[in-house]
Amino acid sequence: MSNYRRARTYGGTYFFTVVTYKRQQFLTDEPFRSILRDSIETTRNQHPFTINSWVLLPDHLHCIWTLPDNDHNFSKHWGIIKARFSKHAKAFLHNNKWITSSKQKHRESTIWQRRFWEHQIRNEYDYQNHMDYIHYNPVKHKLVDRVADWPYSTFHRYAQQGIYPKDWGGNIDIVNIDYGE
């Protein structure tokens, strides 16, 4: 059994990437956006965390969360969210042909990749680079020409607050994450 090392800091801030199984493209479709939103909110009511930023693309999502001071177990949060989503979306998305012995053993659906990518945010510079990466991601994947044209993103909230200019990220090269200290 794999033993993955994960940063576990109480009250930590983390960047995540979560991907659908076989890169299925359904996350931006209704009713799946609603199922995901409900799964997240139900989980947040029971196990609070703050969503700092978010972008939802057809086959994956990126986000930054901050956990409360008494919590470090983001894996538990993701497990609950993915399980709830899978339970409610199974009738639409389950594919028996994709069930492997490993998926049966781990009681997994054919909706999500087993794991997710996580990175603990180390400082303000790291935070801002990941925020920019998240918001620019729809342009990077050529889903839109301008960040403002993608509806499934916290960019709009930040642009309205004046944190990003409304025309930020239009027709420019990809924002590169630089892990400078």
N, C-alpha and C. Protein backbone atom coordinates (compact mmCIF):
# COMPACT_ATOMS: atom_id res chain seq x y z
N MET A 1 0.84 -1.18 0.00
CA MET A 1 0.00 0.00 0.00
C MET A 1 0.89 1.24 0.00
N SER A 2 0.51 2.20 -0.83
CA SER A 2 1.29 3.44 -0.91
C SER A 2 1.14 4.26 0.35
N ASN A 3 2.22 4.91 0.73
CA ASN A 3 2.20 5.79 1.88
C ASN A 3 2.62 7.18 1.39
N TYR A 4 1.63 8.01 1.05
CA TYR A 4 1.91 9.33 0.51
C TYR A 4 2.20 10.30 1.63
N ARG A 5 3.23 11.08 1.45
CA ARG A 5 3.53 12.15 2.39
C ARG A 5 2.72 13.37 2.01
N ARG A 6 2.03 13.89 2.96
CA ARG A 6 1.26 15.09 2.73
C ARG A 6 1.58 16.08 3.83
N ALA A 7 1.65 17.33 3.45
CA ALA A 7 1.84 18.39 4.45
C ALA A 7 0.56 18.48 5.26
N ARG A 8 0.69 18.45 6.55
CA ARG A 8 -0.50 18.51 7.41
C ARG A 8 -0.25 19.57 8.48
N THR A 9 -0.71 20.76 8.18
CA THR A 9 -0.55 21.88 9.10
C THR A 9 -1.93 22.34 9.56
N TYR A 10 -2.13 22.37 10.85
CA TYR A 10 -3.38 22.89 11.38
C TYR A 10 -3.56 24.33 10.92
N GLY A 11 -4.76 24.61 10.36
CA GLY A 11 -5.03 25.96 9.88
C GLY A 11 -4.29 26.31 8.60
N GLY A 12 -3.74 25.32 7.91
CA GLY A 12 -2.96 25.57 6.70
C GLY A 12 -3.79 26.00 5.51
N THR A 13 -3.11 26.61 4.55
CA THR A 13 -3.72 27.00 3.29
C THR A 13 -3.10 26.14 2.20
N TYR A 14 -3.95 25.55 1.34
CA TYR A 14 -3.52 24.56 0.37
C TYR A 14 -4.11 24.84 -1.01
N PHE A 15 -3.31 24.54 -2.02
CA PHE A 15 -3.75 24.53 -3.42
C PHE A 15 -4.06 23.08 -3.77
N PHE A 16 -5.18 22.85 -4.47
CA PHE A 16 -5.57 21.50 -4.88
C PHE A 16 -5.89 21.44 -6.36
N THR A 17 -5.63 20.27 -6.94
CA THR A 17 -6.13 19.91 -8.26
C THR A 17 -6.83 18.58 -8.11
N VAL A 18 -8.08 18.52 -8.55
CA VAL A 18 -8.89 17.30 -8.50
C VAL A 18 -9.36 17.04 -9.92
N VAL A 19 -9.21 15.78 -10.38
CA VAL A 19 -9.45 15.44 -11.79
C VAL A 19 -10.49 14.33 -11.89
N THR A 20 -11.32 14.40 -12.92
CA THR A 20 -12.30 13.35 -13.16
C THR A 20 -11.60 12.09 -13.69
N TYR A 21 -12.24 10.96 -13.51
CA TYR A 21 -11.70 9.69 -13.99
C TYR A 21 -11.71 9.69 -15.52
N LYS A 22 -10.57 9.33 -16.09
CA LYS A 22 -10.37 9.29 -17.54
C LYS A 22 -10.67 10.65 -18.20
N ARG A 23 -10.49 11.70 -17.42
CA ARG A 23 -10.67 13.08 -17.89
C ARG A 23 -12.05 13.29 -18.55
N GLN A 24 -13.07 12.66 -17.98
CA GLN A 24 -14.43 12.87 -18.47
C GLN A 24 -14.78 14.35 -18.32
N GLN A 25 -15.51 14.87 -19.29
CA GLN A 25 -15.80 16.30 -19.30
C GLN A 25 -17.27 16.55 -18.94
N PHE A 26 -17.54 16.63 -17.63
CA PHE A 26 -18.91 16.85 -17.18
C PHE A 26 -19.03 17.89 -16.08
N LEU A 27 -17.94 18.33 -15.49
CA LEU A 27 -18.03 19.17 -14.29
C LEU A 27 -18.73 20.51 -14.51
N THR A 28 -18.67 21.05 -15.71
CA THR A 28 -19.30 22.35 -15.95
C THR A 28 -20.75 22.21 -16.45
N ASP A 29 -21.24 20.99 -16.57
CA ASP A 29 -22.61 20.76 -17.02
C ASP A 29 -23.56 20.72 -15.83
N GLU A 30 -24.78 21.19 -16.06
CA GLU A 30 -25.84 20.97 -15.09
C GLU A 30 -26.34 19.55 -15.34
N PRO A 31 -26.70 18.77 -14.35
CA PRO A 31 -26.83 19.11 -12.94
C PRO A 31 -25.55 18.92 -12.11
N PHE A 32 -24.44 18.61 -12.76
CA PHE A 32 -23.23 18.25 -12.01
C PHE A 32 -22.63 19.42 -11.23
N ARG A 33 -22.75 20.64 -11.77
CA ARG A 33 -22.30 21.81 -10.99
C ARG A 33 -23.10 21.91 -9.69
N SER A 34 -24.39 21.70 -9.79
CA SER A 34 -25.24 21.78 -8.59
C SER A 34 -24.92 20.66 -7.60
N ILE A 35 -24.70 19.48 -8.11
CA ILE A 35 -24.35 18.35 -7.23
C ILE A 35 -23.03 18.63 -6.52
N LEU A 36 -22.05 19.15 -7.26
CA LEU A 36 -20.76 19.47 -6.66
C LEU A 36 -20.92 20.59 -5.62
N ARG A 37 -21.64 21.63 -5.97
CA ARG A 37 -21.86 22.74 -5.03
C ARG A 37 -22.52 22.23 -3.75
N ASP A 38 -23.55 21.41 -3.88
CA ASP A 38 -24.24 20.87 -2.70
C ASP A 38 -23.32 19.96 -1.89
N SER A 39 -22.51 19.17 -2.57
CA SER A 39 -21.57 18.28 -1.87
C SER A 39 -20.55 19.09 -1.07
N ILE A 40 -20.07 20.16 -1.65
CA ILE A 40 -19.10 21.01 -0.97
C ILE A 40 -19.75 21.72 0.22
N GLU A 41 -20.92 22.30 0.02
CA GLU A 41 -21.57 23.05 1.10
C GLU A 41 -21.98 22.14 2.26
N THR A 42 -22.47 20.96 1.96
CA THR A 42 -22.83 20.02 3.02
C THR A 42 -21.59 19.64 3.81
N THR A 43 -20.49 19.40 3.12
CA THR A 43 -19.23 19.06 3.79
C THR A 43 -18.74 20.23 4.62
N ARG A 44 -18.79 21.44 4.08
CA ARG A 44 -18.34 22.63 4.81
C ARG A 44 -19.18 22.87 6.07
N ASN A 45 -20.46 22.54 6.03
CA ASN A 45 -21.30 22.71 7.21
C ASN A 45 -20.87 21.76 8.33
N GLN A 46 -20.41 20.57 7.96
CA GLN A 46 -20.00 19.58 8.97
C GLN A 46 -18.52 19.70 9.32
N HIS A 47 -17.69 20.07 8.36
CA HIS A 47 -16.24 20.16 8.52
C HIS A 47 -15.79 21.47 7.85
N PRO A 48 -15.87 22.57 8.57
CA PRO A 48 -15.64 23.89 7.95
C PRO A 48 -14.25 24.07 7.33
N PHE A 49 -14.21 24.84 6.29
CA PHE A 49 -12.99 25.34 5.67
C PHE A 49 -13.39 26.53 4.82
N THR A 50 -12.43 27.38 4.49
CA THR A 50 -12.67 28.56 3.67
C THR A 50 -12.17 28.30 2.26
N ILE A 51 -13.00 28.60 1.30
CA ILE A 51 -12.58 28.54 -0.10
C ILE A 51 -12.05 29.91 -0.47
N ASN A 52 -10.74 29.99 -0.73
CA ASN A 52 -10.11 31.26 -1.10
C ASN A 52 -10.26 31.54 -2.59
N SER A 53 -10.11 30.52 -3.41
CA SER A 53 -10.27 30.68 -4.86
C SER A 53 -10.67 29.35 -5.46
N TRP A 54 -11.21 29.44 -6.68
CA TRP A 54 -11.77 28.25 -7.30
C TRP A 54 -11.88 28.48 -8.79
N VAL A 55 -11.63 27.42 -9.56
CA VAL A 55 -12.00 27.40 -10.96
C VAL A 55 -12.46 25.98 -11.29
N LEU A 56 -13.56 25.92 -11.99
CA LEU A 56 -14.14 24.64 -12.40
C LEU A 56 -14.03 24.55 -13.91
N LEU A 57 -13.36 23.49 -14.38
CA LEU A 57 -13.22 23.23 -15.81
C LEU A 57 -13.96 21.93 -16.12
N PRO A 58 -14.16 21.59 -17.39
CA PRO A 58 -14.95 20.40 -17.70
C PRO A 58 -14.43 19.10 -17.06
N ASP A 59 -13.11 18.93 -16.96
CA ASP A 59 -12.58 17.65 -16.48
C ASP A 59 -11.73 17.75 -15.21
N HIS A 60 -11.59 18.94 -14.64
CA HIS A 60 -10.83 19.09 -13.40
C HIS A 60 -11.16 20.43 -12.75
N LEU A 61 -10.68 20.56 -11.54
CA LEU A 61 -10.85 21.81 -10.82
C LEU A 61 -9.57 22.13 -10.07
N HIS A 62 -9.38 23.40 -9.82
CA HIS A 62 -8.28 23.90 -8.98
C HIS A 62 -8.90 24.79 -7.92
N CYS A 63 -8.33 24.76 -6.75
CA CYS A 63 -8.82 25.65 -5.70
C CYS A 63 -7.76 25.86 -4.63
N ILE A 64 -7.99 26.88 -3.83
CA ILE A 64 -7.18 27.13 -2.64
C ILE A 64 -8.15 27.16 -1.47
N TRP A 65 -7.82 26.40 -0.44
CA TRP A 65 -8.60 26.35 0.80
C TRP A 65 -7.73 26.75 1.97
N THR A 66 -8.37 27.29 2.98
CA THR A 66 -7.73 27.47 4.28
C THR A 66 -8.55 26.70 5.31
N LEU A 67 -7.88 25.85 6.05
CA LEU A 67 -8.54 25.05 7.08
C LEU A 67 -8.59 25.83 8.39
N PRO A 68 -9.55 25.50 9.26
CA PRO A 68 -9.58 26.16 10.57
C PRO A 68 -8.37 25.77 11.41
N ASP A 69 -8.10 26.54 12.44
CA ASP A 69 -6.93 26.32 13.29
C ASP A 69 -6.90 24.94 13.95
N ASN A 70 -8.04 24.31 14.11
CA ASN A 70 -8.09 23.00 14.76
C ASN A 70 -8.17 21.83 13.77
N ASP A 71 -7.89 22.09 12.50
CA ASP A 71 -8.05 21.05 11.47
C ASP A 71 -6.84 21.03 10.54
N HIS A 72 -6.42 19.82 10.17
CA HIS A 72 -5.35 19.66 9.19
C HIS A 72 -5.69 18.58 8.16
N ASN A 73 -6.87 17.99 8.26
CA ASN A 73 -7.19 16.80 7.48
C ASN A 73 -7.99 17.13 6.21
N PHE A 74 -7.34 17.78 5.25
CA PHE A 74 -8.01 18.10 3.99
C PHE A 74 -8.37 16.85 3.21
N SER A 75 -7.63 15.75 3.40
CA SER A 75 -7.95 14.50 2.70
C SER A 75 -9.35 14.02 3.08
N LYS A 76 -9.68 14.15 4.33
CA LYS A 76 -11.02 13.76 4.80
C LYS A 76 -12.09 14.60 4.10
N HIS A 77 -11.85 15.91 4.01
CA HIS A 77 -12.82 16.80 3.34
C HIS A 77 -13.02 16.37 1.89
N TRP A 78 -11.92 16.15 1.18
CA TRP A 78 -12.03 15.74 -0.23
C TRP A 78 -12.71 14.39 -0.35
N GLY A 79 -12.40 13.47 0.54
CA GLY A 79 -13.05 12.15 0.51
C GLY A 79 -14.55 12.26 0.65
N ILE A 80 -15.00 13.10 1.56
CA ILE A 80 -16.44 13.29 1.77
C ILE A 80 -17.08 13.96 0.56
N ILE A 81 -16.44 15.00 0.04
CA ILE A 81 -16.99 15.70 -1.13
C ILE A 81 -17.11 14.75 -2.32
N LYS A 82 -16.04 14.02 -2.60
CA LYS A 82 -16.06 13.12 -3.75
C LYS A 82 -17.07 12.00 -3.57
N ALA A 83 -17.19 11.46 -2.36
CA ALA A 83 -18.16 10.39 -2.10
C ALA A 83 -19.60 10.90 -2.25
N ARG A 84 -19.88 12.07 -1.72
CA ARG A 84 -21.23 12.65 -1.85
C ARG A 84 -21.58 12.90 -3.31
N PHE A 85 -20.63 13.50 -4.01
CA PHE A 85 -20.87 13.78 -5.43
C PHE A 85 -21.14 12.47 -6.16
N SER A 86 -20.30 11.47 -5.93
CA SER A 86 -20.43 10.19 -6.62
C SER A 86 -21.77 9.53 -6.33
N LYS A 87 -22.21 9.60 -5.09
CA LYS A 87 -23.50 9.02 -4.71
C LYS A 87 -24.64 9.66 -5.50
N HIS A 88 -24.61 10.99 -5.63
CA HIS A 88 -25.71 11.70 -6.30
C HIS A 88 -25.59 11.69 -7.83
N ALA A 89 -24.39 11.52 -8.35
CA ALA A 89 -24.19 11.55 -9.80
C ALA A 89 -24.05 10.16 -10.41
N LYS A 90 -24.02 9.14 -9.58
CA LYS A 90 -23.75 7.78 -10.06
C LYS A 90 -24.70 7.34 -11.17
N ALA A 91 -25.97 7.65 -11.04
CA ALA A 91 -26.95 7.23 -12.04
C ALA A 91 -26.64 7.79 -13.42
N PHE A 92 -25.99 8.96 -13.46
CA PHE A 92 -25.67 9.61 -14.74
C PHE A 92 -24.29 9.23 -15.27
N LEU A 93 -23.34 8.98 -14.37
CA LEU A 93 -21.94 8.91 -14.78
C LEU A 93 -21.26 7.55 -14.60
N HIS A 94 -21.84 6.65 -13.83
CA HIS A 94 -21.17 5.38 -13.56
C HIS A 94 -21.05 4.55 -14.84
N ASN A 95 -19.88 3.93 -15.02
CA ASN A 95 -19.64 3.09 -16.20
C ASN A 95 -19.08 1.75 -15.73
N ASN A 96 -19.90 0.72 -15.80
CA ASN A 96 -19.47 -0.62 -15.34
C ASN A 96 -18.25 -1.14 -16.09
N LYS A 97 -18.08 -0.73 -17.34
CA LYS A 97 -16.94 -1.21 -18.14
C LYS A 97 -15.61 -0.72 -17.57
N TRP A 98 -15.63 0.34 -16.79
CA TRP A 98 -14.41 0.92 -16.24
C TRP A 98 -14.08 0.40 -14.83
N ILE A 99 -14.93 -0.44 -14.29
CA ILE A 99 -14.68 -0.96 -12.95
C ILE A 99 -13.56 -2.01 -13.04
N THR A 100 -12.51 -1.76 -12.29
CA THR A 100 -11.38 -2.69 -12.22
C THR A 100 -11.40 -3.38 -10.87
N SER A 101 -10.59 -4.39 -10.71
CA SER A 101 -10.51 -5.05 -9.41
C SER A 101 -10.02 -4.06 -8.34
N SER A 102 -9.12 -3.18 -8.71
CA SER A 102 -8.63 -2.17 -7.78
C SER A 102 -9.75 -1.21 -7.37
N LYS A 103 -10.56 -0.80 -8.34
CA LYS A 103 -11.68 0.09 -8.01
C LYS A 103 -12.69 -0.63 -7.11
N GLN A 104 -12.93 -1.90 -7.37
CA GLN A 104 -13.83 -2.65 -6.50
C GLN A 104 -13.26 -2.76 -5.09
N LYS A 105 -11.98 -3.08 -5.00
CA LYS A 105 -11.32 -3.23 -3.70
C LYS A 105 -11.42 -1.95 -2.87
N HIS A 106 -11.24 -0.80 -3.53
CA HIS A 106 -11.25 0.49 -2.83
C HIS A 106 -12.64 1.13 -2.80
N ARG A 107 -13.64 0.41 -3.31
CA ARG A 107 -15.03 0.89 -3.34
C ARG A 107 -15.12 2.25 -4.03
N GLU A 108 -14.49 2.35 -5.20
CA GLU A 108 -14.44 3.61 -5.94
C GLU A 108 -15.42 3.60 -7.10
N SER A 109 -15.83 4.79 -7.47
CA SER A 109 -16.70 4.96 -8.63
C SER A 109 -15.83 5.16 -9.88
N THR A 110 -16.49 5.38 -10.97
CA THR A 110 -15.79 5.70 -12.22
C THR A 110 -15.97 7.19 -12.53
N ILE A 111 -15.98 7.99 -11.47
CA ILE A 111 -16.23 9.43 -11.62
C ILE A 111 -14.97 10.25 -11.37
N TRP A 112 -14.21 9.92 -10.33
CA TRP A 112 -13.02 10.69 -9.94
C TRP A 112 -11.76 9.87 -10.05
N GLN A 113 -10.65 10.54 -10.35
CA GLN A 113 -9.34 9.90 -10.16
C GLN A 113 -9.18 9.65 -8.66
N ARG A 114 -8.46 8.61 -8.33
CA ARG A 114 -8.32 8.20 -6.93
C ARG A 114 -7.72 9.29 -6.06
N ARG A 115 -6.70 9.90 -6.51
CA ARG A 115 -6.00 10.87 -5.67
C ARG A 115 -6.21 12.28 -6.17
N PHE A 116 -5.58 13.21 -5.51
CA PHE A 116 -5.62 14.61 -5.92
C PHE A 116 -4.24 15.19 -5.67
N TRP A 117 -3.98 16.32 -6.29
CA TRP A 117 -2.71 17.02 -6.08
C TRP A 117 -2.94 18.08 -5.02
N GLU A 118 -2.00 18.19 -4.11
CA GLU A 118 -2.08 19.21 -3.07
C GLU A 118 -0.72 19.85 -2.91
N HIS A 119 -0.73 21.12 -2.59
CA HIS A 119 0.49 21.89 -2.33
C HIS A 119 0.18 22.85 -1.20
N GLN A 120 0.99 22.82 -0.15
CA GLN A 120 0.78 23.77 0.93
C GLN A 120 1.35 25.13 0.54
N ILE A 121 0.53 26.15 0.67
CA ILE A 121 0.95 27.51 0.37
C ILE A 121 1.91 27.97 1.45
N ARG A 122 3.09 28.48 1.03
CA ARG A 122 4.15 28.80 1.98
C ARG A 122 4.24 30.27 2.36
N ASN A 123 3.84 31.16 1.45
CA ASN A 123 3.97 32.59 1.73
C ASN A 123 3.05 33.36 0.78
N GLU A 124 3.03 34.66 0.91
CA GLU A 124 2.15 35.50 0.08
C GLU A 124 2.47 35.39 -1.41
N TYR A 125 3.76 35.31 -1.71
CA TYR A 125 4.19 35.18 -3.11
C TYR A 125 3.65 33.88 -3.71
N ASP A 126 3.78 32.80 -2.98
CA ASP A 126 3.28 31.49 -3.39
C ASP A 126 1.75 31.54 -3.55
N TYR A 127 1.10 32.17 -2.60
CA TYR A 127 -0.36 32.32 -2.64
C TYR A 127 -0.79 33.05 -3.91
N GLN A 128 -0.18 34.19 -4.19
CA GLN A 128 -0.56 34.98 -5.36
C GLN A 128 -0.30 34.24 -6.66
N ASN A 129 0.81 33.53 -6.75
CA ASN A 129 1.10 32.75 -7.96
C ASN A 129 0.05 31.67 -8.19
N HIS A 130 -0.37 31.01 -7.13
CA HIS A 130 -1.40 29.97 -7.28
C HIS A 130 -2.77 30.58 -7.58
N MET A 131 -3.07 31.74 -7.01
CA MET A 131 -4.32 32.43 -7.35
C MET A 131 -4.33 32.76 -8.84
N ASP A 132 -3.22 33.31 -9.33
CA ASP A 132 -3.14 33.65 -10.75
C ASP A 132 -3.26 32.40 -11.62
N TYR A 133 -2.60 31.33 -11.24
CA TYR A 133 -2.68 30.07 -11.99
C TYR A 133 -4.12 29.58 -12.07
N ILE A 134 -4.80 29.59 -10.95
CA ILE A 134 -6.19 29.14 -10.91
C ILE A 134 -7.04 29.97 -11.87
N HIS A 135 -6.95 31.26 -11.76
CA HIS A 135 -7.83 32.12 -12.55
C HIS A 135 -7.48 32.12 -14.04
N TYR A 136 -6.22 31.89 -14.36
CA TYR A 136 -5.80 31.87 -15.77
C TYR A 136 -6.04 30.51 -16.44
N ASN A 137 -6.34 29.49 -15.67
CA ASN A 137 -6.42 28.12 -16.20
C ASN A 137 -7.38 27.93 -17.38
N PRO A 138 -8.56 28.55 -17.41
CA PRO A 138 -9.42 28.38 -18.59
C PRO A 138 -8.80 28.93 -19.87
N VAL A 139 -7.99 29.98 -19.77
CA VAL A 139 -7.29 30.51 -20.94
C VAL A 139 -6.18 29.54 -21.34
N LYS A 140 -5.45 29.04 -20.35
CA LYS A 140 -4.39 28.07 -20.61
C LYS A 140 -4.91 26.86 -21.40
N HIS A 141 -6.11 26.40 -21.04
CA HIS A 141 -6.70 25.24 -21.70
C HIS A 141 -7.50 25.60 -22.95
N LYS A 142 -7.40 26.88 -23.36
CA LYS A 142 -8.03 27.37 -24.59
C LYS A 142 -9.56 27.23 -24.58
N LEU A 143 -10.14 27.35 -23.39
CA LEU A 143 -11.60 27.32 -23.27
C LEU A 143 -12.19 28.70 -23.54
N VAL A 144 -11.41 29.73 -23.28
CA VAL A 144 -11.79 31.13 -23.53
C VAL A 144 -10.52 31.91 -23.89
N ASP A 145 -10.71 33.10 -24.46
CA ASP A 145 -9.57 33.96 -24.78
C ASP A 145 -9.20 34.89 -23.62
N ARG A 146 -10.18 35.19 -22.78
CA ARG A 146 -9.95 36.09 -21.66
C ARG A 146 -10.45 35.45 -20.37
N VAL A 147 -9.76 35.66 -19.28
CA VAL A 147 -10.15 35.11 -17.98
C VAL A 147 -11.58 35.49 -17.63
N ALA A 148 -11.95 36.73 -17.91
CA ALA A 148 -13.28 37.23 -17.56
C ALA A 148 -14.40 36.51 -18.30
N ASP A 149 -14.07 35.82 -19.39
CA ASP A 149 -15.10 35.11 -20.16
C ASP A 149 -15.48 33.75 -19.58
N TRP A 150 -14.72 33.26 -18.61
CA TRP A 150 -15.02 31.94 -18.02
C TRP A 150 -15.92 32.14 -16.80
N PRO A 151 -17.12 31.56 -16.80
CA PRO A 151 -18.07 31.85 -15.72
C PRO A 151 -17.83 31.09 -14.41
N TYR A 152 -17.07 29.99 -14.44
CA TYR A 152 -16.96 29.11 -13.27
C TYR A 152 -15.67 29.37 -12.51
N SER A 153 -15.55 30.58 -11.98
CA SER A 153 -14.30 30.99 -11.36
C SER A 153 -14.55 32.08 -10.32
N THR A 154 -13.72 32.08 -9.30
CA THR A 154 -13.80 33.16 -8.31
C THR A 154 -13.17 34.44 -8.84
N PHE A 155 -12.61 34.41 -10.03
CA PHE A 155 -12.05 35.62 -10.62
C PHE A 155 -13.05 36.77 -10.59
N HIS A 156 -14.30 36.48 -10.90
CA HIS A 156 -15.32 37.53 -10.99
C HIS A 156 -15.52 38.22 -9.65
N ARG A 157 -15.51 37.46 -8.58
CA ARG A 157 -15.64 38.04 -7.24
C ARG A 157 -14.46 38.97 -6.94
N TYR A 158 -13.24 38.50 -7.27
CA TYR A 158 -12.05 39.30 -7.00
C TYR A 158 -11.97 40.53 -7.91
N ALA A 159 -12.44 40.42 -9.15
CA ALA A 159 -12.45 41.58 -10.04
C ALA A 159 -13.46 42.62 -9.53
N GLN A 160 -14.59 42.15 -9.04
CA GLN A 160 -15.59 43.07 -8.50
C GLN A 160 -15.06 43.79 -7.25
N GLN A 161 -14.23 43.11 -6.47
CA GLN A 161 -13.64 43.72 -5.27
C GLN A 161 -12.43 44.60 -5.61
N GLY A 162 -12.01 44.61 -6.88
CA GLY A 162 -10.88 45.43 -7.29
C GLY A 162 -9.53 44.77 -7.05
N ILE A 163 -9.51 43.49 -6.69
CA ILE A 163 -8.26 42.78 -6.44
C ILE A 163 -7.57 42.44 -7.77
N TYR A 164 -8.35 42.09 -8.77
CA TYR A 164 -7.86 41.90 -10.13
C TYR A 164 -8.53 42.95 -11.00
N PRO A 165 -7.80 43.48 -12.00
CA PRO A 165 -8.48 44.31 -12.99
C PRO A 165 -9.45 43.43 -13.80
N LYS A 166 -10.56 43.99 -14.21
CA LYS A 166 -11.57 43.19 -14.93
C LYS A 166 -11.02 42.60 -16.24
N ASP A 167 -10.00 43.23 -16.82
CA ASP A 167 -9.42 42.73 -18.07
C ASP A 167 -8.14 41.91 -17.84
N TRP A 168 -7.86 41.52 -16.60
CA TRP A 168 -6.66 40.75 -16.29
C TRP A 168 -6.70 39.41 -17.02
N GLY A 169 -5.56 39.00 -17.55
CA GLY A 169 -5.43 37.67 -18.13
C GLY A 169 -6.05 37.49 -19.49
N GLY A 170 -6.16 38.55 -20.25
CA GLY A 170 -6.70 38.43 -21.59
C GLY A 170 -5.59 38.43 -22.62
N ASN A 171 -5.51 37.39 -23.42
CA ASN A 171 -4.57 37.32 -24.54
C ASN A 171 -3.11 37.55 -24.12
N ILE A 172 -2.70 36.94 -23.02
CA ILE A 172 -1.30 37.00 -22.59
C ILE A 172 -0.78 35.59 -22.43
N ASP A 173 0.52 35.46 -22.32
CA ASP A 173 1.11 34.15 -22.12
C ASP A 173 0.71 33.59 -20.76
N ILE A 174 0.80 32.28 -20.62
CA ILE A 174 0.43 31.59 -19.39
C ILE A 174 1.21 32.15 -18.19
N VAL A 175 0.51 32.29 -17.10
CA VAL A 175 1.13 32.70 -15.86
C VAL A 175 1.94 31.53 -15.34
N ASN A 176 3.21 31.74 -15.10
CA ASN A 176 4.07 30.66 -14.61
C ASN A 176 4.16 30.74 -13.10
N ILE A 177 3.99 29.61 -12.45
CA ILE A 177 4.16 29.57 -11.00
C ILE A 177 5.65 29.55 -10.70
N ASP A 178 6.07 30.50 -9.90
CA ASP A 178 7.46 30.61 -9.48
C ASP A 178 7.49 30.41 -7.97
N TYR A 179 8.22 29.41 -7.52
CA TYR A 179 8.23 29.08 -6.10
C TYR A 179 9.32 29.83 -5.34
N GLY A 180 9.55 31.07 -5.71
CA GLY A 180 10.55 31.89 -5.03
C GLY A 180 10.18 32.09 -3.58
N GLU A 181 11.17 32.21 -2.77
CA GLU A 181 10.94 32.37 -1.31
C GLU A 181 10.74 33.82 -0.99
